[in-house]
Amino acid sequence: MDLKETDILGEHIDEHWYYRSKRAAMQKFLGDIRPASILDVGAGSGFFSRALLESTAARDAWCVDISYPEDSDDSAGGKPIRFRRAVDQLDTDLVLLMDVLEHVDDDVGLLADYVGKVPAGAHFLISVPAFSCLWSDHDVFLEHKRRYRLHEIERVAANAGLQVLRGSYYFGAVFPIAASLRLLERCYGKAERQPQSQLKRHSPLVNATLNALCAIELPVLASNRFAGLTAFCLARKP
C-alpha cells in the first residue's frame, strides 16, 4: 500500500470504494486461513493488516516499509501492530505484499528475501496491478516499474521459492471503465503534464455504487482468470 495514496485519502481511506473492496477481496481470498501473526511488507499505514487484526484471531502484526521516518508501535483491535523500517527473522505465518512488487526492479529477489525470513508453511498473499495495457500517469506517479498478467506474478512467486496455491483477477466489473479512461488519456492527454494519482475522494453515493459493483464479483473471485485491475496470488512456503 503506497503512502502517497494514504496522504491523498487521509482518515477517509476506510470509506473509499477501492480500499474497501480490496480489503473484502483479501479476506475472501484468504478463505479459511487463520493467521496467528502477520508480516505486512510495504505496509504503508497498515490498512490491510489492521483489518485482519480486527477480524481474525491473529495476535500481532509487523508492518515493514522503508518510507517510515522511524520505528513505532500502535495497536489495532486491542492487539500490537509494530511499524519497522526493516525486520530480520520473524515467526509469522502470513505475509502480505499488497501492491509492493511492482515498485522494485528485482521483484523475485525481494520476494525471495522475505521467503527466507519466515518459517516453512507460511502463506503469502500478493496483489499487483494488472495488465500493461492499463499503464497510465497513475503508475508513473506511484513509481511503478511494471504491471502484471496473472501467470507472470505466479511465475514470480514460484521463482522466489513458493508453491502457488491459487490466483485470480479482481475489479473485473470496473475493468471496462478503467480501460476506457486509459484510452482517452492516451488519445487526448497532454504530453507535458505532470503525472498524478487518479485516486481521489468520492461522494458517499459514488463509493456505495462502486463498492456494490465490486461486491458482485466476490462469490466468483477464485475463478476469474480473465480480466481485472488487480491480480491476486496466494502461495505457501514449502
C-alpha atoms as a PDB file:
ATOM      1  CA  MET A   1       0.000   0.000   0.000  1.00  0.00           C
ATOM      2  CA  ASP A   2       1.551   3.287  -1.107  1.00  0.00           C
ATOM      3  CA  LEU A   3       1.938   6.087   1.442  1.00  0.00           C
ATOM      4  CA  LYS A   4       1.280   8.555  -1.379  1.00  0.00           C
ATOM      5  CA  GLU A   5      -2.273   7.229  -1.568  1.00  0.00           C
ATOM      6  CA  THR A   6      -2.607   7.338   2.195  1.00  0.00           C
ATOM      7  CA  ASP A   7      -1.693  11.020   2.065  1.00  0.00           C
ATOM      8  CA  ILE A   8      -4.410  11.651  -0.533  1.00  0.00           C
ATOM      9  CA  LEU A   9      -7.235   9.875   1.311  1.00  0.00           C
ATOM     10  CA  GLY A  10      -6.102  10.534   4.875  1.00  0.00           C
ATOM     11  CA  GLU A  11      -8.558   9.403   7.527  1.00  0.00           C
ATOM     12  CA  HIS A  12     -11.164   8.709   4.837  1.00  0.00           C
ATOM     13  CA  ILE A  13      -9.322   5.711   3.389  1.00  0.00           C
ATOM     14  CA  ASP A  14     -11.735   3.297   5.077  1.00  0.00           C
ATOM     15  CA  GLU A  15     -14.628   4.925   3.167  1.00  0.00           C
ATOM     16  CA  HIS A  16     -13.062   4.683  -0.291  1.00  0.00           C
ATOM     17  CA  TRP A  17     -14.617   2.043  -2.556  1.00  0.00           C
ATOM     18  CA  TYR A  18     -11.262   0.809  -3.867  1.00  0.00           C
ATOM     19  CA  TYR A  19      -9.750   0.047  -0.484  1.00  0.00           C
ATOM     20  CA  ARG A  20     -12.982  -1.286   0.995  1.00  0.00           C
ATOM     21  CA  SER A  21     -13.363  -3.624  -1.969  1.00  0.00           C
ATOM     22  CA  LYS A  22      -9.742  -4.758  -1.909  1.00  0.00           C
ATOM     23  CA  ARG A  23      -9.985  -5.448   1.823  1.00  0.00           C
ATOM     24  CA  ALA A  24     -13.059  -7.621   1.194  1.00  0.00           C
ATOM     25  CA  ALA A  25     -11.271  -9.423  -1.642  1.00  0.00           C
ATOM     26  CA  MET A  26      -8.237 -10.049   0.577  1.00  0.00           C
ATOM     27  CA  GLN A  27     -10.410 -11.623   3.262  1.00  0.00           C
ATOM     28  CA  LYS A  28     -12.297 -13.678   0.686  1.00  0.00           C
ATOM     29  CA  PHE A  29      -9.110 -14.839  -1.000  1.00  0.00           C
ATOM     30  CA  LEU A  30      -7.570 -15.995   2.276  1.00  0.00           C
ATOM     31  CA  GLY A  31     -10.604 -18.219   2.827  1.00  0.00           C
ATOM     32  CA  ASP A  32     -10.158 -20.489   5.836  1.00  0.00           C
ATOM     33  CA  ILE A  33      -6.549 -19.413   6.518  1.00  0.00           C
ATOM     34  CA  ARG A  34      -6.419 -18.169  10.103  1.00  0.00           C
ATOM     35  CA  PRO A  35      -3.123 -16.390  10.746  1.00  0.00           C
ATOM     36  CA  ALA A  36      -1.514 -16.263  14.174  1.00  0.00           C
ATOM     37  CA  SER A  37       0.905 -13.471  13.244  1.00  0.00           C
ATOM     38  CA  ILE A  38       1.103 -11.169  10.212  1.00  0.00           C
ATOM     39  CA  LEU A  39       4.043  -9.660   8.343  1.00  0.00           C
ATOM     40  CA  ASP A  40       2.847  -6.800   6.118  1.00  0.00           C
ATOM     41  CA  VAL A  41       5.577  -5.812   3.618  1.00  0.00           C
ATOM     42  CA  GLY A  42       5.392  -2.334   2.102  1.00  0.00           C
ATOM     43  CA  ALA A  43       2.526  -1.799   4.512  1.00  0.00           C
ATOM     44  CA  GLY A  44       2.143   1.970   4.406  1.00  0.00           C
ATOM     45  CA  SER A  45      -0.473   2.864   7.010  1.00  0.00           C
ATOM     46  CA  GLY A  46      -1.071  -0.829   7.774  1.00  0.00           C
ATOM     47  CA  PHE A  47      -4.612  -0.698   6.400  1.00  0.00           C
ATOM     48  CA  PHE A  48      -4.763  -4.376   5.435  1.00  0.00           C
ATOM     49  CA  SER A  49      -3.019  -5.826   8.486  1.00  0.00           C
ATOM     50  CA  ARG A  50      -5.216  -3.687  10.750  1.00  0.00           C
ATOM     51  CA  ALA A  51      -8.270  -5.188   9.061  1.00  0.00           C
ATOM     52  CA  LEU A  52      -7.007  -8.715   9.713  1.00  0.00           C
ATOM     53  CA  LEU A  53      -6.138  -7.975  13.337  1.00  0.00           C
ATOM     54  CA  GLU A  54      -9.672  -6.736  13.872  1.00  0.00           C
ATOM     55  CA  SER A  55     -11.396  -9.624  12.063  1.00  0.00           C
ATOM     56  CA  THR A  56      -9.256 -12.666  12.926  1.00  0.00           C
ATOM     57  CA  ALA A  57      -7.587 -14.254  15.940  1.00  0.00           C
ATOM     58  CA  ALA A  58      -4.126 -13.072  14.808  1.00  0.00           C
ATOM     59  CA  ARG A  59      -2.182 -11.950  17.862  1.00  0.00           C
ATOM     60  CA  ASP A  60       0.007  -9.262  16.264  1.00  0.00           C
ATOM     61  CA  ALA A  61       1.249  -7.682  13.046  1.00  0.00           C
ATOM     62  CA  TRP A  62       4.589  -6.394  11.824  1.00  0.00           C
ATOM     63  CA  CYS A  63       4.362  -3.626   9.222  1.00  0.00           C
ATOM     64  CA  VAL A  64       7.546  -3.029   7.241  1.00  0.00           C
ATOM     65  CA  ASP A  65       8.135  -0.045   4.974  1.00  0.00           C
ATOM     66  CA  ILE A  66      11.347   1.798   4.110  1.00  0.00           C
ATOM     67  CA  SER A  67       9.307   5.014   3.898  1.00  0.00           C
ATOM     68  CA  TYR A  68       8.697   5.165   7.664  1.00  0.00           C
ATOM     69  CA  PRO A  69      10.669   8.010   9.249  1.00  0.00           C
ATOM     70  CA  GLU A  70      11.284   5.871  12.347  1.00  0.00           C
ATOM     71  CA  ASP A  71      10.188   2.685  14.095  1.00  0.00           C
ATOM     72  CA  SER A  72       6.964   2.926  16.134  1.00  0.00           C
ATOM     73  CA  ASP A  73       4.284   0.838  17.820  1.00  0.00           C
ATOM     74  CA  ASP A  74       0.490   1.035  17.791  1.00  0.00           C
ATOM     75  CA  SER A  75      -2.481  -1.268  18.280  1.00  0.00           C
ATOM     76  CA  ALA A  76      -5.460  -2.467  16.257  1.00  0.00           C
ATOM     77  CA  GLY A  77      -8.336  -4.434  17.701  1.00  0.00           C
ATOM     78  CA  GLY A  78      -6.526  -4.344  21.038  1.00  0.00           C
ATOM     79  CA  LYS A  79      -3.512  -6.159  19.523  1.00  0.00           C
ATOM     80  CA  PRO A  80       0.018  -4.853  18.909  1.00  0.00           C
ATOM     81  CA  ILE A  81       0.965  -3.604  15.459  1.00  0.00           C
ATOM     82  CA  ARG A  82       4.635  -2.734  15.044  1.00  0.00           C
ATOM     83  CA  PHE A  83       5.907  -0.406  12.320  1.00  0.00           C
ATOM     84  CA  ARG A  84       9.513  -1.065  11.287  1.00  0.00           C
ATOM     85  CA  ARG A  85      11.818   0.093   8.512  1.00  0.00           C
ATOM     86  CA  ALA A  86      13.285  -3.424   8.327  1.00  0.00           C
ATOM     87  CA  VAL A  87      12.992  -6.823  10.036  1.00  0.00           C
ATOM     88  CA  ASP A  88      15.104  -9.975  10.295  1.00  0.00           C
ATOM     89  CA  GLN A  89      13.725 -13.445  11.024  1.00  0.00           C
ATOM     90  CA  LEU A  90      10.108 -13.490  12.217  1.00  0.00           C
ATOM     91  CA  ASP A  91       7.829 -16.280  13.411  1.00  0.00           C
ATOM     92  CA  THR A  92       4.889 -15.167  11.279  1.00  0.00           C
ATOM     93  CA  ASP A  93       2.598 -17.432   9.277  1.00  0.00           C
ATOM     94  CA  LEU A  94       1.013 -14.905   6.891  1.00  0.00           C
ATOM     95  CA  VAL A  95       2.952 -12.449   4.743  1.00  0.00           C
ATOM     96  CA  LEU A  96       1.108  -9.698   2.882  1.00  0.00           C
ATOM     97  CA  LEU A  97       2.604  -7.938  -0.132  1.00  0.00           C
ATOM     98  CA  MET A  98      -0.263  -5.719  -1.209  1.00  0.00           C
ATOM     99  CA  ASP A  99       0.792  -3.680  -4.243  1.00  0.00           C
ATOM    100  CA  VAL A 100       4.504  -3.871  -3.478  1.00  0.00           C
ATOM    101  CA  LEU A 101       6.387  -5.927  -6.072  1.00  0.00           C
ATOM    102  CA  GLU A 102       5.577  -3.553  -8.929  1.00  0.00           C
ATOM    103  CA  HIS A 103       7.712  -0.893  -7.199  1.00  0.00           C
ATOM    104  CA  VAL A 104      11.055  -2.724  -7.308  1.00  0.00           C
ATOM    105  CA  ASP A 105      13.489  -3.666 -10.058  1.00  0.00           C
ATOM    106  CA  ASP A 106      14.074  -7.186  -8.706  1.00  0.00           C
ATOM    107  CA  ASP A 107      10.646  -8.492  -7.739  1.00  0.00           C
ATOM    108  CA  VAL A 108      11.817 -12.096  -7.429  1.00  0.00           C
ATOM    109  CA  GLY A 109      14.755 -11.048  -5.246  1.00  0.00           C
ATOM    110  CA  LEU A 110      12.620  -9.003  -2.860  1.00  0.00           C
ATOM    111  CA  LEU A 111      10.052 -11.756  -2.510  1.00  0.00           C
ATOM    112  CA  ALA A 112      12.726 -14.421  -2.018  1.00  0.00           C
ATOM    113  CA  ASP A 113      14.304 -12.295   0.713  1.00  0.00           C
ATOM    114  CA  TYR A 114      11.068 -12.365   2.719  1.00  0.00           C
ATOM    115  CA  VAL A 115      10.529 -16.052   1.976  1.00  0.00           C
ATOM    116  CA  GLY A 116      13.797 -16.580   3.813  1.00  0.00           C
ATOM    117  CA  LYS A 117      12.648 -14.569   6.845  1.00  0.00           C
ATOM    118  CA  VAL A 118       9.626 -16.710   7.786  1.00  0.00           C
ATOM    119  CA  PRO A 119       9.149 -20.384   8.704  1.00  0.00           C
ATOM    120  CA  ALA A 120       8.062 -23.179   6.382  1.00  0.00           C
ATOM    121  CA  GLY A 121       4.305 -23.351   5.975  1.00  0.00           C
ATOM    122  CA  ALA A 122       3.827 -19.580   5.982  1.00  0.00           C
ATOM    123  CA  HIS A 123       1.303 -18.271   3.457  1.00  0.00           C
ATOM    124  CA  PHE A 124       1.981 -15.329   1.161  1.00  0.00           C
ATOM    125  CA  LEU A 125      -0.812 -13.160  -0.244  1.00  0.00           C
ATOM    126  CA  ILE A 126       0.371 -10.954  -3.096  1.00  0.00           C
ATOM    127  CA  SER A 127      -1.528  -8.320  -5.049  1.00  0.00           C
ATOM    128  CA  VAL A 128      -0.190  -6.336  -8.004  1.00  0.00           C
ATOM    129  CA  PRO A 129      -1.676  -4.012 -10.637  1.00  0.00           C
ATOM    130  CA  ALA A 130      -2.727  -5.969 -13.708  1.00  0.00           C
ATOM    131  CA  PHE A 131      -2.208  -5.592 -17.475  1.00  0.00           C
ATOM    132  CA  SER A 132       0.419  -3.409 -19.105  1.00  0.00           C
ATOM    133  CA  CYS A 133      -2.258  -2.022 -21.415  1.00  0.00           C
ATOM    134  CA  LEU A 134      -3.676  -0.166 -18.381  1.00  0.00           C
ATOM    135  CA  TRP A 135      -0.408   1.699 -17.782  1.00  0.00           C
ATOM    136  CA  SER A 136      -1.152   5.360 -17.025  1.00  0.00           C
ATOM    137  CA  ASP A 137       0.022   8.531 -15.288  1.00  0.00           C
ATOM    138  CA  HIS A 138      -1.188   6.905 -12.082  1.00  0.00           C
ATOM    139  CA  ASP A 139       1.526   4.241 -12.413  1.00  0.00           C
ATOM    140  CA  VAL A 140       4.167   6.872 -13.115  1.00  0.00           C
ATOM    141  CA  PHE A 141       3.052   8.935 -10.112  1.00  0.00           C
ATOM    142  CA  LEU A 142       3.326   5.882  -7.840  1.00  0.00           C
ATOM    143  CA  GLU A 143       6.717   4.974  -9.363  1.00  0.00           C
ATOM    144  CA  HIS A 144       5.643   1.581 -10.647  1.00  0.00           C
ATOM    145  CA  LYS A 145       8.080  -0.462 -12.703  1.00  0.00           C
ATOM    146  CA  ARG A 146       5.514  -2.732 -14.342  1.00  0.00           C
ATOM    147  CA  ARG A 147       2.027  -4.223 -14.310  1.00  0.00           C
ATOM    148  CA  TYR A 148       1.438  -7.991 -14.404  1.00  0.00           C
ATOM    149  CA  ARG A 149      -0.642 -10.649 -16.046  1.00  0.00           C
ATOM    150  CA  LEU A 150      -1.743 -13.391 -13.686  1.00  0.00           C
ATOM    151  CA  HIS A 151       0.685 -16.007 -14.984  1.00  0.00           C
ATOM    152  CA  GLU A 152       3.530 -13.513 -14.601  1.00  0.00           C
ATOM    153  CA  ILE A 153       3.001 -12.863 -10.886  1.00  0.00           C
ATOM    154  CA  GLU A 154       2.506 -16.593 -10.322  1.00  0.00           C
ATOM    155  CA  ARG A 155       5.847 -17.204 -12.032  1.00  0.00           C
ATOM    156  CA  VAL A 156       7.493 -14.588  -9.792  1.00  0.00           C
ATOM    157  CA  ALA A 157       6.135 -16.390  -6.725  1.00  0.00           C
ATOM    158  CA  ALA A 158       7.362 -19.771  -7.978  1.00  0.00           C
ATOM    159  CA  ASN A 159      10.810 -18.410  -8.852  1.00  0.00           C
ATOM    160  CA  ALA A 160      11.074 -16.967  -5.327  1.00  0.00           C
ATOM    161  CA  GLY A 161      10.677 -20.454  -3.863  1.00  0.00           C
ATOM    162  CA  LEU A 162       6.938 -20.516  -3.162  1.00  0.00           C
ATOM    163  CA  GLN A 163       4.278 -23.065  -4.017  1.00  0.00           C
ATOM    164  CA  VAL A 164       1.458 -21.261  -5.814  1.00  0.00           C
ATOM    165  CA  LEU A 165      -1.947 -22.274  -4.445  1.00  0.00           C
ATOM    166  CA  ARG A 166      -4.284 -20.092  -6.477  1.00  0.00           C
ATOM    167  CA  GLY A 167      -4.518 -16.832  -8.374  1.00  0.00           C
ATOM    168  CA  SER A 168      -7.187 -14.621  -9.871  1.00  0.00           C
ATOM    169  CA  TYR A 169      -8.017 -11.137 -11.075  1.00  0.00           C
ATOM    170  CA  TYR A 170     -10.229  -8.687  -9.205  1.00  0.00           C
ATOM    171  CA  PHE A 171     -12.006  -5.452 -10.119  1.00  0.00           C
ATOM    172  CA  GLY A 172     -13.216  -7.076 -13.319  1.00  0.00           C
ATOM    173  CA  ALA A 173     -16.528  -5.224 -13.107  1.00  0.00           C
ATOM    174  CA  VAL A 174     -14.802  -1.853 -13.332  1.00  0.00           C
ATOM    175  CA  PHE A 175     -12.177  -3.038 -15.839  1.00  0.00           C
ATOM    176  CA  PRO A 176     -14.073  -1.668 -18.889  1.00  0.00           C
ATOM    177  CA  ILE A 177     -14.415   1.730 -17.207  1.00  0.00           C
ATOM    178  CA  ALA A 178     -10.723   1.892 -16.377  1.00  0.00           C
ATOM    179  CA  ALA A 179      -9.692   0.710 -19.845  1.00  0.00           C
ATOM    180  CA  SER A 180     -11.845   3.392 -21.477  1.00  0.00           C
ATOM    181  CA  LEU A 181     -10.363   6.105 -19.280  1.00  0.00           C
ATOM    182  CA  ARG A 182      -6.826   4.944 -20.083  1.00  0.00           C
ATOM    183  CA  LEU A 183      -7.619   5.063 -23.796  1.00  0.00           C
ATOM    184  CA  LEU A 184      -8.983   8.582 -23.521  1.00  0.00           C
ATOM    185  CA  GLU A 185      -5.909   9.624 -21.565  1.00  0.00           C
ATOM    186  CA  ARG A 186      -3.639   8.408 -24.348  1.00  0.00           C
ATOM    187  CA  CYS A 187      -5.712   9.951 -27.133  1.00  0.00           C
ATOM    188  CA  TYR A 188      -6.315  13.358 -25.592  1.00  0.00           C
ATOM    189  CA  GLY A 189      -3.760  13.674 -22.783  1.00  0.00           C
ATOM    190  CA  LYS A 190      -1.073  16.336 -22.870  1.00  0.00           C
ATOM    191  CA  ALA A 191       2.481  15.063 -23.096  1.00  0.00           C
ATOM    192  CA  GLU A 192       3.852  17.882 -20.920  1.00  0.00           C
ATOM    193  CA  ARG A 193       1.510  17.346 -17.964  1.00  0.00           C
ATOM    194  CA  GLN A 194       2.822  16.172 -14.623  1.00  0.00           C
ATOM    195  CA  PRO A 195       1.923  12.575 -13.666  1.00  0.00           C
ATOM    196  CA  GLN A 196      -0.665  12.468 -10.907  1.00  0.00           C
ATOM    197  CA  SER A 197      -2.680   9.943  -8.958  1.00  0.00           C
ATOM    198  CA  GLN A 198      -6.126   9.033 -10.248  1.00  0.00           C
ATOM    199  CA  LEU A 199      -7.157   8.162  -6.705  1.00  0.00           C
ATOM    200  CA  LYS A 200      -9.403  10.746  -5.091  1.00  0.00           C
ATOM    201  CA  ARG A 201     -12.127  11.082  -2.524  1.00  0.00           C
ATOM    202  CA  HIS A 202     -15.672  10.409  -3.742  1.00  0.00           C
ATOM    203  CA  SER A 203     -19.154  11.167  -2.546  1.00  0.00           C
ATOM    204  CA  PRO A 204     -20.927   8.531  -0.409  1.00  0.00           C
ATOM    205  CA  LEU A 205     -23.149   7.697  -3.394  1.00  0.00           C
ATOM    206  CA  VAL A 206     -20.218   7.027  -5.737  1.00  0.00           C
ATOM    207  CA  ASN A 207     -18.407   4.994  -3.095  1.00  0.00           C
ATOM    208  CA  ALA A 208     -21.511   2.921  -2.348  1.00  0.00           C
ATOM    209  CA  THR A 209     -22.229   2.303  -6.044  1.00  0.00           C
ATOM    210  CA  LEU A 210     -18.700   1.208  -6.958  1.00  0.00           C
ATOM    211  CA  ASN A 211     -18.339  -0.834  -3.785  1.00  0.00           C
ATOM    212  CA  ALA A 212     -21.594  -2.672  -4.575  1.00  0.00           C
ATOM    213  CA  LEU A 213     -20.443  -3.274  -8.154  1.00  0.00           C
ATOM    214  CA  CYS A 214     -17.199  -4.844  -6.915  1.00  0.00           C
ATOM    215  CA  ALA A 215     -19.017  -6.889  -4.265  1.00  0.00           C
ATOM    216  CA  ILE A 216     -20.895  -8.707  -7.036  1.00  0.00           C
ATOM    217  CA  GLU A 217     -17.586 -10.297  -8.039  1.00  0.00           C
ATOM    218  CA  LEU A 218     -16.722 -11.733  -4.642  1.00  0.00           C
ATOM    219  CA  PRO A 219     -18.659 -15.032  -4.975  1.00  0.00           C
ATOM    220  CA  VAL A 220     -16.755 -15.857  -8.187  1.00  0.00           C
ATOM    221  CA  LEU A 221     -13.443 -14.246  -7.237  1.00  0.00           C
ATOM    222  CA  ALA A 222     -11.481 -17.506  -7.260  1.00  0.00           C
ATOM    223  CA  SER A 223     -12.495 -18.331 -10.838  1.00  0.00           C
ATOM    224  CA  ASN A 224     -11.696 -15.002 -12.518  1.00  0.00           C
ATOM    225  CA  ARG A 225      -8.578 -15.603 -14.572  1.00  0.00           C
ATOM    226  CA  PHE A 226      -9.834 -13.399 -17.388  1.00  0.00           C
ATOM    227  CA  ALA A 227      -9.519  -9.687 -16.515  1.00  0.00           C
ATOM    228  CA  GLY A 228      -9.337  -7.152 -13.702  1.00  0.00           C
ATOM    229  CA  LEU A 229      -7.381  -4.185 -12.394  1.00  0.00           C
ATOM    230  CA  THR A 230      -5.586  -6.275  -9.757  1.00  0.00           C
ATOM    231  CA  ALA A 231      -4.001  -9.724  -9.829  1.00  0.00           C
ATOM    232  CA  PHE A 232      -4.009 -11.771  -6.611  1.00  0.00           C
ATOM    233  CA  CYS A 233      -1.715 -14.712  -5.894  1.00  0.00           C
ATOM    234  CA  LEU A 234      -1.848 -16.932  -2.825  1.00  0.00           C
ATOM    235  CA  ALA A 235       1.225 -19.059  -2.222  1.00  0.00           C
ATOM    236  CA  ARG A 236       2.882 -21.080   0.523  1.00  0.00           C
ATOM    237  CA  LYS A 237       6.472 -21.621   1.629  1.00  0.00           C
ATOM    238  CA  PRO A 238       7.151 -25.363   1.352  1.00  0.00           C
END
